[in-house]
C-alpha atoms as a PDB file:
ATOM      1  CA  MET A   1      88.743-108.716 -40.702  1.00  0.00           C
ATOM      2  CA  PHE A   2      92.133-111.008 -41.917  1.00  0.00           C
ATOM      3  CA  ALA A   3      95.607-111.146 -40.380  1.00  0.00           C
ATOM      4  CA  GLU A   4      94.513-108.053 -38.036  1.00  0.00           C
ATOM      5  CA  ARG A   5      94.762-105.278 -40.772  1.00  0.00           C
ATOM      6  CA  TYR A   6      92.871-106.359 -43.769  1.00  0.00           C
ATOM      7  CA  GLU A   7      89.018-105.641 -44.066  1.00  0.00           C
ATOM      8  CA  ILE A   8      87.658-107.976 -46.850  1.00  0.00           C
ATOM      9  CA  LEU A   9      85.356-105.983 -48.795  1.00  0.00           C
ATOM     10  CA  SER A  10      84.234-108.669 -51.455  1.00  0.00           C
ATOM     11  CA  ALA A  11      85.316-111.636 -53.497  1.00  0.00           C
ATOM     12  CA  ALA A  12      87.281-110.675 -56.574  1.00  0.00           C
ATOM     13  CA  GLY A  13      88.112-113.875 -58.244  1.00  0.00           C
ATOM     14  CA  SER A  14      89.658-117.269 -57.841  1.00  0.00           C
ATOM     15  CA  GLY A  15      92.630-118.975 -59.281  1.00  0.00           C
ATOM     16  CA  GLY A  16      94.456-122.489 -59.368  1.00  0.00           C
ATOM     17  CA  MET A  17      95.786-122.166 -55.844  1.00  0.00           C
ATOM     18  CA  GLY A  18      93.512-119.463 -54.119  1.00  0.00           C
ATOM     19  CA  HIS A  19      91.087-117.069 -53.534  1.00  0.00           C
ATOM     20  CA  VAL A  20      91.467-113.182 -54.398  1.00  0.00           C
ATOM     21  CA  TYR A  21      89.406-110.738 -52.520  1.00  0.00           C
ATOM     22  CA  ARG A  22      88.988-107.142 -52.621  1.00  0.00           C
ATOM     23  CA  ALA A  23      90.215-105.693 -49.339  1.00  0.00           C
ATOM     24  CA  ARG A  24      91.666-102.637 -47.448  1.00  0.00           C
ATOM     25  CA  HIS A  25      94.345-102.166 -45.656  1.00  0.00           C
ATOM     26  CA  LEU A  26      93.411-100.435 -42.357  1.00  0.00           C
ATOM     27  CA  GLY A  27      96.632 -99.271 -41.288  1.00  0.00           C
ATOM     28  CA  LEU A  28      97.439 -97.511 -44.917  1.00  0.00           C
ATOM     29  CA  ASP A  29      93.477 -97.183 -45.790  1.00  0.00           C
ATOM     30  CA  LYS A  30      94.397 -98.690 -48.872  1.00  0.00           C
ATOM     31  CA  LEU A  31      92.687-100.939 -51.421  1.00  0.00           C
ATOM     32  CA  VAL A  32      94.468-104.200 -52.224  1.00  0.00           C
ATOM     33  CA  ALA A  33      94.020-107.581 -53.923  1.00  0.00           C
ATOM     34  CA  LEU A  34      94.216-110.297 -51.250  1.00  0.00           C
ATOM     35  CA  LYS A  35      95.002-113.571 -52.470  1.00  0.00           C
ATOM     36  CA  VAL A  36      94.776-116.447 -50.200  1.00  0.00           C
ATOM     37  CA  LEU A  37      95.885-119.803 -50.967  1.00  0.00           C
ATOM     38  CA  ALA A  38      93.002-122.202 -50.817  1.00  0.00           C
ATOM     39  CA  VAL A  39      93.336-125.302 -48.187  1.00  0.00           C
ATOM     40  CA  PRO A  40      95.039-127.835 -50.441  1.00  0.00           C
ATOM     41  CA  GLY A  41      94.961-130.621 -47.542  1.00  0.00           C
ATOM     42  CA  LYS A  42      97.556-132.404 -45.984  1.00  0.00           C
ATOM     43  CA  GLY A  43     100.479-134.262 -47.293  1.00  0.00           C
ATOM     44  CA  SER A  44     103.011-133.801 -50.284  1.00  0.00           C
ATOM     45  CA  ARG A  45     100.097-132.309 -52.344  1.00  0.00           C
ATOM     46  CA  GLY A  46      99.527-129.611 -49.716  1.00  0.00           C
ATOM     47  CA  GLU A  47     103.292-129.089 -49.451  1.00  0.00           C
ATOM     48  CA  ARG A  48     103.830-128.654 -52.928  1.00  0.00           C
ATOM     49  CA  PHE A  49     101.031-125.969 -53.163  1.00  0.00           C
ATOM     50  CA  GLU A  50     102.525-123.976 -50.324  1.00  0.00           C
ATOM     51  CA  GLU A  51     105.760-123.961 -51.774  1.00  0.00           C
ATOM     52  CA  ARG A  52     104.561-122.406 -54.933  1.00  0.00           C
ATOM     53  CA  PHE A  53     102.423-119.865 -52.943  1.00  0.00           C
ATOM     54  CA  ALA A  54     105.476-118.767 -51.172  1.00  0.00           C
ATOM     55  CA  ARG A  55     107.530-119.081 -54.535  1.00  0.00           C
ATOM     56  CA  GLU A  56     105.043-116.447 -56.088  1.00  0.00           C
ATOM     57  CA  ALA A  57     105.517-113.954 -53.146  1.00  0.00           C
ATOM     58  CA  ARG A  58     109.496-114.345 -53.533  1.00  0.00           C
ATOM     59  CA  VAL A  59     109.406-113.817 -57.204  1.00  0.00           C
ATOM     60  CA  LEU A  60     107.049-110.753 -57.042  1.00  0.00           C
ATOM     61  CA  ALA A  61     109.417-109.373 -54.551  1.00  0.00           C
ATOM     62  CA  LYS A  62     112.013-109.262 -56.942  1.00  0.00           C
ATOM     63  CA  LEU A  63     110.106-107.282 -59.727  1.00  0.00           C
ATOM     64  CA  ASP A  64     109.557-103.457 -59.758  1.00  0.00           C
ATOM     65  CA  HIS A  65     108.039-102.538 -63.304  1.00  0.00           C
ATOM     66  CA  PRO A  66     104.783-100.786 -64.316  1.00  0.00           C
ATOM     67  CA  SER A  67     103.402-103.665 -66.316  1.00  0.00           C
ATOM     68  CA  CYS A  68     104.071-106.327 -63.461  1.00  0.00           C
ATOM     69  CA  VAL A  69     101.839-106.412 -60.565  1.00  0.00           C
ATOM     70  CA  ARG A  70     103.570-105.312 -57.022  1.00  0.00           C
ATOM     71  CA  VAL A  71     103.469-107.286 -54.091  1.00  0.00           C
ATOM     72  CA  LEU A  72     103.108-105.226 -50.994  1.00  0.00           C
ATOM     73  CA  ASP A  73     102.822-107.641 -48.183  1.00  0.00           C
ATOM     74  CA  TYR A  74     103.231-111.675 -47.500  1.00  0.00           C
ATOM     75  CA  GLY A  75     102.510-113.545 -44.602  1.00  0.00           C
ATOM     76  CA  ARG A  76     100.203-116.468 -42.774  1.00  0.00           C
ATOM     77  CA  SER A  77      97.233-116.214 -40.477  1.00  0.00           C
ATOM     78  CA  ASN A  78      95.480-118.892 -39.031  1.00  0.00           C
ATOM     79  CA  GLY A  79      97.446-121.155 -40.760  1.00  0.00           C
ATOM     80  CA  MET A  80      96.748-119.503 -44.347  1.00  0.00           C
ATOM     81  CA  GLN A  81      99.355-117.966 -46.293  1.00  0.00           C
ATOM     82  CA  TYR A  82      98.518-114.883 -48.112  1.00  0.00           C
ATOM     83  CA  ILE A  83      99.906-112.087 -50.519  1.00  0.00           C
ATOM     84  CA  ALA A  84      98.599-108.446 -50.561  1.00  0.00           C
ATOM     85  CA  MET A  85      99.126-106.750 -54.200  1.00  0.00           C
ATOM     86  CA  ASP A  86      97.803-103.842 -55.828  1.00  0.00           C
ATOM     87  CA  MET A  87      94.403-103.604 -56.628  1.00  0.00           C
ATOM     88  CA  LEU A  88      93.908-103.174 -60.420  1.00  0.00           C
ATOM     89  CA  GLU A  89      90.589-102.025 -61.687  1.00  0.00           C
ATOM     90  CA  GLY A  90      89.818-103.168 -65.195  1.00  0.00           C
ATOM     91  CA  GLU A  91      89.043-106.135 -67.150  1.00  0.00           C
ATOM     92  CA  THR A  92      91.701-108.886 -68.129  1.00  0.00           C
ATOM     93  CA  LEU A  93      92.494-109.447 -71.903  1.00  0.00           C
ATOM     94  CA  HIS A  94      90.649-112.553 -72.074  1.00  0.00           C
ATOM     95  CA  GLN A  95      87.667-110.572 -71.042  1.00  0.00           C
ATOM     96  CA  VAL A  96      88.354-107.927 -73.793  1.00  0.00           C
ATOM     97  CA  LEU A  97      89.021-110.739 -76.501  1.00  0.00           C
ATOM     98  CA  ARG A  98      85.466-111.817 -76.015  1.00  0.00           C
ATOM     99  CA  ALA A  99      84.259-108.957 -78.311  1.00  0.00           C
ATOM    100  CA  GLY A 100      86.752-110.137 -80.883  1.00  0.00           C
ATOM    101  CA  PRO A 101      89.834-109.072 -82.616  1.00  0.00           C
ATOM    102  CA  MET A 102      91.250-105.732 -82.015  1.00  0.00           C
ATOM    103  CA  PRO A 103      93.034-103.091 -83.922  1.00  0.00           C
ATOM    104  CA  THR A 104      96.723-104.092 -84.635  1.00  0.00           C
ATOM    105  CA  SER A 105      97.681-100.611 -83.183  1.00  0.00           C
ATOM    106  CA  ARG A 106      96.129-101.611 -79.654  1.00  0.00           C
ATOM    107  CA  ALA A 107      97.431-105.078 -80.131  1.00  0.00           C
ATOM    108  CA  LEU A 108     101.141-104.001 -80.633  1.00  0.00           C
ATOM    109  CA  ALA A 109     100.764-101.592 -77.827  1.00  0.00           C
ATOM    110  CA  ILE A 110      99.772-104.143 -75.240  1.00  0.00           C
ATOM    111  CA  THR A 111     102.363-106.374 -76.571  1.00  0.00           C
ATOM    112  CA  LYS A 112     105.176-104.004 -76.019  1.00  0.00           C
ATOM    113  CA  GLN A 113     104.233-103.324 -72.777  1.00  0.00           C
ATOM    114  CA  LEU A 114     104.378-107.242 -71.954  1.00  0.00           C
ATOM    115  CA  LEU A 115     107.550-107.444 -73.591  1.00  0.00           C
ATOM    116  CA  GLY A 116     108.960-104.773 -71.285  1.00  0.00           C
ATOM    117  CA  ALA A 117     107.668-106.960 -68.334  1.00  0.00           C
ATOM    118  CA  LEU A 118     109.154-109.985 -69.600  1.00  0.00           C
ATOM    119  CA  ALA A 119     112.340-108.344 -70.216  1.00  0.00           C
ATOM    120  CA  HIS A 120     112.312-107.237 -66.553  1.00  0.00           C
ATOM    121  CA  ALA A 121     111.582-110.597 -65.084  1.00  0.00           C
ATOM    122  CA  HIS A 122     114.113-112.384 -67.416  1.00  0.00           C
ATOM    123  CA  GLU A 123     116.591-110.113 -66.341  1.00  0.00           C
ATOM    124  CA  HIS A 124     116.012-110.970 -62.465  1.00  0.00           C
ATOM    125  CA  GLY A 125     116.348-114.985 -63.647  1.00  0.00           C
ATOM    126  CA  ILE A 126     112.370-115.250 -63.386  1.00  0.00           C
ATOM    127  CA  ILE A 127     110.377-117.038 -66.322  1.00  0.00           C
ATOM    128  CA  HIS A 128     106.456-116.556 -66.175  1.00  0.00           C
ATOM    129  CA  ARG A 129     105.472-120.094 -67.678  1.00  0.00           C
ATOM    130  CA  ASP A 130     102.069-119.198 -67.418  1.00  0.00           C
ATOM    131  CA  LEU A 131     101.537-116.296 -69.981  1.00  0.00           C
ATOM    132  CA  LYS A 132      97.590-116.309 -71.328  1.00  0.00           C
ATOM    133  CA  PRO A 133      94.928-113.674 -71.517  1.00  0.00           C
ATOM    134  CA  GLU A 134      93.539-114.675 -68.163  1.00  0.00           C
ATOM    135  CA  ASN A 135      96.878-113.251 -66.696  1.00  0.00           C
ATOM    136  CA  VAL A 136      97.194-110.010 -68.530  1.00  0.00           C
ATOM    137  CA  MET A 137      95.035-107.302 -66.513  1.00  0.00           C
ATOM    138  CA  LEU A 138      93.830-103.942 -68.875  1.00  0.00           C
ATOM    139  CA  VAL A 139      93.691-101.390 -66.239  1.00  0.00           C
ATOM    140  CA  LYS A 140      90.693 -99.171 -66.424  1.00  0.00           C
ATOM    141  CA  GLY A 141      91.181 -96.778 -69.480  1.00  0.00           C
ATOM    142  CA  GLY A 142      92.764 -99.933 -71.355  1.00  0.00           C
ATOM    143  CA  SER A 143      96.066 -98.005 -72.312  1.00  0.00           C
ATOM    144  CA  ARG A 144      98.026 -99.904 -69.216  1.00  0.00           C
ATOM    145  CA  ALA A 145      98.589-103.777 -69.670  1.00  0.00           C
ATOM    146  CA  VAL A 146      99.904-105.636 -66.066  1.00  0.00           C
ATOM    147  CA  LEU A 147     101.097-109.249 -66.263  1.00  0.00           C
ATOM    148  CA  ILE A 148      99.507-110.775 -63.005  1.00  0.00           C
ATOM    149  CA  ASP A 149      99.524-114.443 -61.434  1.00  0.00           C
ATOM    150  CA  PHE A 150     103.287-115.515 -61.198  1.00  0.00           C
ATOM    151  CA  GLY A 151     102.052-118.730 -59.492  1.00  0.00           C
ATOM    152  CA  LEU A 152     103.722-121.120 -61.983  1.00  0.00           C
ATOM    153  CA  ALA A 153     106.755-118.974 -62.323  1.00  0.00           C
ATOM    154  CA  SER A 154     110.251-120.397 -61.689  1.00  0.00           C
ATOM    155  CA  LEU A 155     113.880-119.218 -61.690  1.00  0.00           C
ATOM    156  CA  HIS A 156     115.839-119.770 -64.791  1.00  0.00           C
ATOM    157  CA  ASP A 157     118.133-122.524 -63.342  1.00  0.00           C
ATOM    158  CA  GLU A 158     115.188-124.451 -62.197  1.00  0.00           C
ATOM    159  CA  ALA A 159     113.522-124.241 -65.536  1.00  0.00           C
ATOM    160  CA  ALA A 160     116.666-125.406 -67.282  1.00  0.00           C
ATOM    161  CA  LEU A 161     116.635-128.674 -65.013  1.00  0.00           C
ATOM    162  CA  THR A 162     112.950-129.310 -65.226  1.00  0.00           C
ATOM    163  CA  GLY A 163     112.308-132.925 -66.683  1.00  0.00           C
ATOM    164  CA  ALA A 164     109.546-134.910 -68.153  1.00  0.00           C
ATOM    165  CA  GLY A 165     106.142-134.994 -66.332  1.00  0.00           C
ATOM    166  CA  MET A 166     106.625-131.298 -65.314  1.00  0.00           C
ATOM    167  CA  CYS A 167     104.142-129.884 -68.037  1.00  0.00           C
ATOM    168  CA  MET A 168     102.148-127.470 -66.391  1.00  0.00           C
ATOM    169  CA  GLY A 169     100.061-124.323 -67.572  1.00  0.00           C
ATOM    170  CA  SER A 170      97.337-123.548 -70.400  1.00  0.00           C
ATOM    171  CA  PRO A 171      97.951-125.961 -73.787  1.00  0.00           C
ATOM    172  CA  SER A 172      97.078-123.349 -76.016  1.00  0.00           C
ATOM    173  CA  TYR A 173      99.738-121.076 -74.623  1.00  0.00           C
ATOM    174  CA  LEU A 174     102.501-123.623 -74.115  1.00  0.00           C
ATOM    175  CA  ALA A 175     105.645-123.913 -76.108  1.00  0.00           C
ATOM    176  CA  PRO A 176     106.211-127.544 -77.613  1.00  0.00           C
ATOM    177  CA  GLU A 177     109.462-127.867 -75.419  1.00  0.00           C
ATOM    178  CA  ARG A 178     106.786-127.430 -72.297  1.00  0.00           C
ATOM    179  CA  LEU A 179     104.193-129.686 -73.931  1.00  0.00           C
ATOM    180  CA  LEU A 180     107.008-132.364 -74.241  1.00  0.00           C
ATOM    181  CA  GLY A 181     108.076-131.633 -70.513  1.00  0.00           C
ATOM    182  CA  ARG A 182     111.697-130.728 -71.867  1.00  0.00           C
ATOM    183  CA  PRO A 183     114.066-128.182 -70.283  1.00  0.00           C
ATOM    184  CA  HIS A 184     113.193-124.664 -71.324  1.00  0.00           C
ATOM    185  CA  ASP A 185     114.474-121.000 -70.825  1.00  0.00           C
ATOM    186  CA  THR A 186     112.711-117.398 -71.268  1.00  0.00           C
ATOM    187  CA  ARG A 187     112.135-118.296 -74.770  1.00  0.00           C
ATOM    188  CA  THR A 188     108.890-120.254 -73.749  1.00  0.00           C
ATOM    189  CA  ASP A 189     107.709-117.062 -72.632  1.00  0.00           C
ATOM    190  CA  LEU A 190     108.052-115.148 -75.883  1.00  0.00           C
ATOM    191  CA  TYR A 191     106.243-118.420 -77.657  1.00  0.00           C
ATOM    192  CA  ALA A 192     103.313-117.777 -75.455  1.00  0.00           C
ATOM    193  CA  LEU A 193     103.316-114.094 -75.987  1.00  0.00           C
ATOM    194  CA  GLY A 194     103.316-114.681 -79.631  1.00  0.00           C
ATOM    195  CA  VAL A 195     100.224-116.965 -79.319  1.00  0.00           C
ATOM    196  CA  ILE A 196      98.603-113.992 -77.625  1.00  0.00           C
ATOM    197  CA  LEU A 197      99.416-111.426 -80.039  1.00  0.00           C
ATOM    198  CA  TYR A 198      98.262-113.785 -82.883  1.00  0.00           C
ATOM    199  CA  GLU A 199      94.878-114.126 -80.658  1.00  0.00           C
ATOM    200  CA  MET A 200      94.528-110.363 -80.215  1.00  0.00           C
ATOM    201  CA  VAL A 201      94.691-109.616 -84.199  1.00  0.00           C
ATOM    202  CA  ALA A 202      93.066-112.679 -85.452  1.00  0.00           C
ATOM    203  CA  GLY A 203      90.417-113.403 -82.824  1.00  0.00           C
ATOM    204  CA  VAL A 204      91.373-116.814 -82.905  1.00  0.00           C
ATOM    205  CA  ARG A 205      94.210-118.645 -81.618  1.00  0.00           C
ATOM    206  CA  PRO A 206      97.052-120.479 -83.782  1.00  0.00           C
ATOM    207  CA  PHE A 207      96.264-123.884 -82.539  1.00  0.00           C
ATOM    208  CA  ALA A 208      92.578-124.836 -81.201  1.00  0.00           C
ATOM    209  CA  GLY A 209      91.697-128.414 -81.154  1.00  0.00           C
ATOM    210  CA  GLY A 210      88.420-129.926 -80.098  1.00  0.00           C
ATOM    211  CA  SER A 211      90.571-131.118 -76.962  1.00  0.00           C
ATOM    212  CA  PRO A 212      93.263-130.357 -74.844  1.00  0.00           C
ATOM    213  CA  GLU A 213      95.081-133.590 -76.502  1.00  0.00           C
ATOM    214  CA  GLU A 214      94.286-132.189 -79.938  1.00  0.00           C
ATOM    215  CA  THR A 215      95.328-128.922 -79.578  1.00  0.00           C
ATOM    216  CA  MET A 216      98.616-130.132 -78.093  1.00  0.00           C
ATOM    217  CA  ARG A 217      99.183-132.260 -81.191  1.00  0.00           C
ATOM    218  CA  LEU A 218      98.390-129.286 -83.666  1.00  0.00           C
ATOM    219  CA  ALA A 219     101.121-127.161 -81.745  1.00  0.00           C
ATOM    220  CA  LEU A 220     103.494-129.796 -82.005  1.00  0.00           C
ATOM    221  CA  HIS A 221     103.153-130.954 -85.665  1.00  0.00           C
ATOM    222  CA  ARG A 222     101.353-128.379 -87.376  1.00  0.00           C
ATOM    223  CA  PRO A 223     102.218-124.779 -88.651  1.00  0.00           C
ATOM    224  CA  PRO A 224      99.742-122.072 -87.471  1.00  0.00           C
ATOM    225  CA  ARG A 225      97.384-120.679 -90.033  1.00  0.00           C
ATOM    226  CA  PRO A 226      98.760-117.633 -91.874  1.00  0.00           C
ATOM    227  CA  LEU A 227      97.510-114.591 -90.332  1.00  0.00           C
ATOM    228  CA  ARG A 228      96.931-112.657 -93.825  1.00  0.00           C
ATOM    229  CA  ALA A 229      94.351-115.666 -94.614  1.00  0.00           C
ATOM    230  CA  ILE A 230      92.257-114.483 -91.665  1.00  0.00           C
ATOM    231  CA  ARG A 231      92.861-110.798 -92.051  1.00  0.00           C
ATOM    232  CA  ARG A 232      93.986-109.271 -95.076  1.00  0.00           C
ATOM    233  CA  ASP A 233      94.972-106.064 -93.538  1.00  0.00           C
ATOM    234  CA  ILE A 234      97.569-107.389 -91.375  1.00  0.00           C
ATOM    235  CA  SER A 235     101.033-106.438 -92.415  1.00  0.00           C
ATOM    236  CA  ARG A 236     103.447-108.987 -93.687  1.00  0.00           C
ATOM    237  CA  GLU A 237     106.045-107.570 -91.253  1.00  0.00           C
ATOM    238  CA  LEU A 238     103.512-108.598 -88.185  1.00  0.00           C
ATOM    239  CA  GLU A 239     102.991-111.969 -89.860  1.00  0.00           C
ATOM    240  CA  ASN A 240     106.397-112.836 -89.960  1.00  0.00           C
ATOM    241  CA  LEU A 241     107.166-111.615 -86.677  1.00  0.00           C
ATOM    242  CA  ILE A 242     104.574-113.598 -85.121  1.00  0.00           C
ATOM    243  CA  LYS A 243     105.532-116.593 -87.213  1.00  0.00           C
ATOM    244  CA  ARG A 244     109.175-116.360 -85.867  1.00  0.00           C
ATOM    245  CA  ALA A 245     107.572-116.329 -82.106  1.00  0.00           C
ATOM    246  CA  LEU A 246     105.814-119.323 -82.709  1.00  0.00           C
ATOM    247  CA  ALA A 247     108.746-121.275 -84.241  1.00  0.00           C
ATOM    248  CA  LYS A 248     108.639-124.998 -82.767  1.00  0.00           C
ATOM    249  CA  ASP A 249     112.174-124.900 -82.376  1.00  0.00           C
ATOM    250  CA  PRO A 250     113.600-122.304 -79.543  1.00  0.00           C
ATOM    251  CA  LYS A 251     116.556-121.433 -81.662  1.00  0.00           C
ATOM    252  CA  ARG A 252     114.275-119.943 -84.486  1.00  0.00           C
ATOM    253  CA  ARG A 253     112.621-117.599 -82.076  1.00  0.00           C
ATOM    254  CA  PHE A 254     113.714-114.433 -80.716  1.00  0.00           C
ATOM    255  CA  SER A 255     116.837-114.567 -78.532  1.00  0.00           C
ATOM    256  CA  ASP A 256     115.302-112.725 -76.040  1.00  0.00           C
ATOM    257  CA  ALA A 257     112.521-110.120 -75.104  1.00  0.00           C
ATOM    258  CA  GLU A 258     114.438-106.910 -76.235  1.00  0.00           C
ATOM    259  CA  GLU A 259     115.565-108.409 -79.645  1.00  0.00           C
ATOM    260  CA  MET A 260     111.483-109.238 -80.020  1.00  0.00           C
ATOM    261  CA  LEU A 261     110.767-105.668 -78.790  1.00  0.00           C
ATOM    262  CA  LEU A 262     113.297-104.074 -81.269  1.00  0.00           C
ATOM    263  CA  ALA A 263     111.783-106.205 -84.323  1.00  0.00           C
ATOM    264  CA  LEU A 264     108.109-104.930 -83.078  1.00  0.00           C
ATOM    265  CA  ASN A 265     109.104-101.327 -83.209  1.00  0.00           C
ATOM    266  CA  ASP A 266     109.703-101.567 -86.724  1.00  0.00           C
ATOM    267  CA  VAL A 267     106.228-103.116 -87.342  1.00  0.00           C
ATOM    268  CA  PRO A 268     104.110-100.046 -88.821  1.00  0.00           C
ATOM    269  CA  THR A 269     100.668 -99.387 -86.938  1.00  0.00           C
ATOM    270  CA  ASP A 270      97.379 -99.070 -88.509  1.00  0.00           C
ATOM    271  CA  GLU A 271      97.812 -95.559 -88.339  1.00  0.00           C
ATOM    272  CA  GLU A 272     101.528 -95.343 -90.157  1.00  0.00           C
ATOM    273  CA  ARG A 273     100.343 -97.715 -92.952  1.00  0.00           C
ATOM    274  CA  ALA A 274      97.171 -95.504 -93.632  1.00  0.00           C
ATOM    275  CA  GLU A 275      99.453 -92.388 -93.745  1.00  0.00           C
ATOM    276  CA  LEU A 276     101.639 -94.415 -96.061  1.00  0.00           C
ATOM    277  CA  ARG A 277      98.854 -94.936 -98.327  1.00  0.00           C
ATOM    278  CA  ALA A 278      97.468 -91.706 -98.258  1.00  0.00           C
ATOM    279  CA  ALA A 279     101.078 -89.986 -98.990  1.00  0.00           C
ATOM    280  CA  ALA A 280     101.133 -92.817-102.108  1.00  0.00           C
ATOM    281  CA  GLU A 281      97.893 -91.713-103.127  1.00  0.00           C
ATOM    282  CA  ARG A 282      98.536 -87.889-102.925  1.00  0.00           C
ATOM    283  CA  GLU A 283     101.755 -88.524-104.694  1.00  0.00           C
ATOM    284  CA  GLU A 284      99.719 -90.571-107.518  1.00  0.00           C
ATOM    285  CA  ALA A 285      96.979 -87.991-107.923  1.00  0.00           C
ATOM    286  CA  ALA A 286      99.823 -85.101-108.175  1.00  0.00           C
ATOM    287  CA  GLU A 287     101.509 -87.216-111.060  1.00  0.00           C
ATOM    288  CA  THR A 288      98.337 -87.219-112.722  1.00  0.00           C
ATOM    289  CA  MET A 289      97.307 -83.711-112.536  1.00  0.00           C
ATOM    290  CA  ALA A 290     100.582 -82.969-113.895  1.00  0.00           C
ATOM    291  CA  MET A 291     100.010 -84.988-116.751  1.00  0.00           C
ATOM    292  CA  VAL A 292      96.387 -83.686-117.375  1.00  0.00           C
ATOM    293  CA  GLN A 293      97.895 -80.040-117.157  1.00  0.00           C
ATOM    294  CA  LEU A 294     100.722 -81.110-119.756  1.00  0.00           C
ATOM    295  CA  ASP A 295      97.751 -82.060-122.050  1.00  0.00           C
ATOM    296  CA  LEU A 296      95.829 -79.087-121.772  1.00  0.00           C
ATOM    297  CA  ARG A 297      98.756 -76.775-122.743  1.00  0.00           C
ATOM    298  CA  PRO A 298      98.599 -75.304-126.499  1.00  0.00           C
ATOM    299  CA  PRO A 299     100.558 -77.140-128.854  1.00  0.00           C
ATOM    300  CA  SER A 300     103.996 -75.797-129.861  1.00  0.00           C
ATOM    301  CA  TRP A 301     104.864 -74.640-133.379  1.00  0.00           C
ATOM    302  CA  TRP A 302     106.911 -77.789-134.438  1.00  0.00           C
ATOM    303  CA  GLN A 303     103.862 -79.974-132.815  1.00  0.00           C
ATOM    304  CA  ARG A 304     101.380 -78.342-135.068  1.00  0.00           C
ATOM    305  CA  LEU A 305     103.896 -78.400-138.299  1.00  0.00           C
ATOM    306  CA  TRP A 306     104.130 -82.268-137.439  1.00  0.00           C
ATOM    307  CA  ALA A 307     100.583 -82.380-137.526  1.00  0.00           C
ATOM    308  CA  TYR A 308     100.308 -80.965-140.978  1.00  0.00           C
ATOM    309  CA  VAL A 309     102.956 -83.370-142.260  1.00  0.00           C
ATOM    310  CA  ARG A 310     101.010 -86.230-140.728  1.00  0.00           C
ATOM    311  CA  TYR A 311      97.784 -85.564-141.853  1.00  0.00           C
ATOM    312  CA  GLY A 312      98.008 -82.885-144.472  1.00  0.00           C
ATOM    313  CA  GLY A 313     101.050 -83.663-146.504  1.00  0.00           C
ATOM    314  CA  TRP A 314     104.292 -81.666-147.130  1.00  0.00           C
ATOM    315  CA  ARG A 315     102.455 -79.079-149.220  1.00  0.00           C
ATOM    316  CA  TRP A 316     100.577 -77.790-146.138  1.00  0.00           C
ATOM    317  CA  ALA A 317     103.301 -78.122-143.840  1.00  0.00           C
ATOM    318  CA  LEU A 318     105.578 -76.021-146.343  1.00  0.00           C
ATOM    319  CA  ALA A 319     102.681 -73.493-146.302  1.00  0.00           C
ATOM    320  CA  ALA A 320     102.346 -73.496-142.704  1.00  0.00           C
ATOM    321  CA  LEU A 321     106.110 -73.000-142.087  1.00  0.00           C
ATOM    322  CA  LEU A 322     106.469 -70.111-144.679  1.00  0.00           C
ATOM    323  CA  GLY A 323     103.333 -68.411-142.958  1.00  0.00           C
ATOM    324  CA  ARG A 324     105.173 -68.681-139.665  1.00  0.00           C
ATOM    325  CA  ALA A 325     108.394 -66.987-141.044  1.00  0.00           C
ATOM    326  CA  THR A 326     106.116 -64.154-142.677  1.00  0.00           C
ATOM    327  CA  GLY A 327     103.819 -63.705-139.817  1.00  0.00           C
END
């Protein structure tokens, strides 16, 4: 029993700040994901952990979107803070990507949902700041993507004032301005989503060094490997979209999630590209058949006359013409 109303059923995982349990709310008879802050110790470090945990609860309470995890309860029991959230059955995107790259149509569908979640969060002044495959849950069935773990989220005004030494998150998904500890805005989330989209379709990250330091150096100073050098079936539209999302200068990225979503809607899916190819092949086949049918028609009298002129001389041609006139 926890907090007098939760029955702990099993451990569900752990994160940077706490442990997550599969639990049942006894009053509602409802399964929940119960996140409990790991005891961080006393002093300023413990206070920072507690403030971050409380901030995550406040952030989640602002959100109401199908692709954002929903908070159900927040409180403290026996000196430990906790957050109760919807219990999501499924796999993280990180687990799914272990099998390799996915069809672009599925990657686009997941990205569109995450852009919807980011647009909603950004509209409420919230920057996620830790977007990575481990923090994307694909609910059982795989068609619904949900953004989880807002433990590093911040309000837009806070991020704008963040200075050096405040770089937190996973290096492979951090935008250059984050790596440099500079002030940042919502475009840092769009960069991270660009990395995730690249990884979904390519099966590898755009910047992957042998160490965190090497990964950071690549992200700061090298362009990503061209997608079409890895997968030839990737459309140029998708390659260019990801390239823009991964721009090192935030001003060269999409201005917001809505703009990126509009651009993504113009990228053809696998099925649409296959239909376009099939239509082109049908048109080419129809043109070829028309040419064949034209060649099979009996020659007209003037075509026969020209043949006589070309191969038999004028005498044969005149005889053929007289024969047609008297025939």
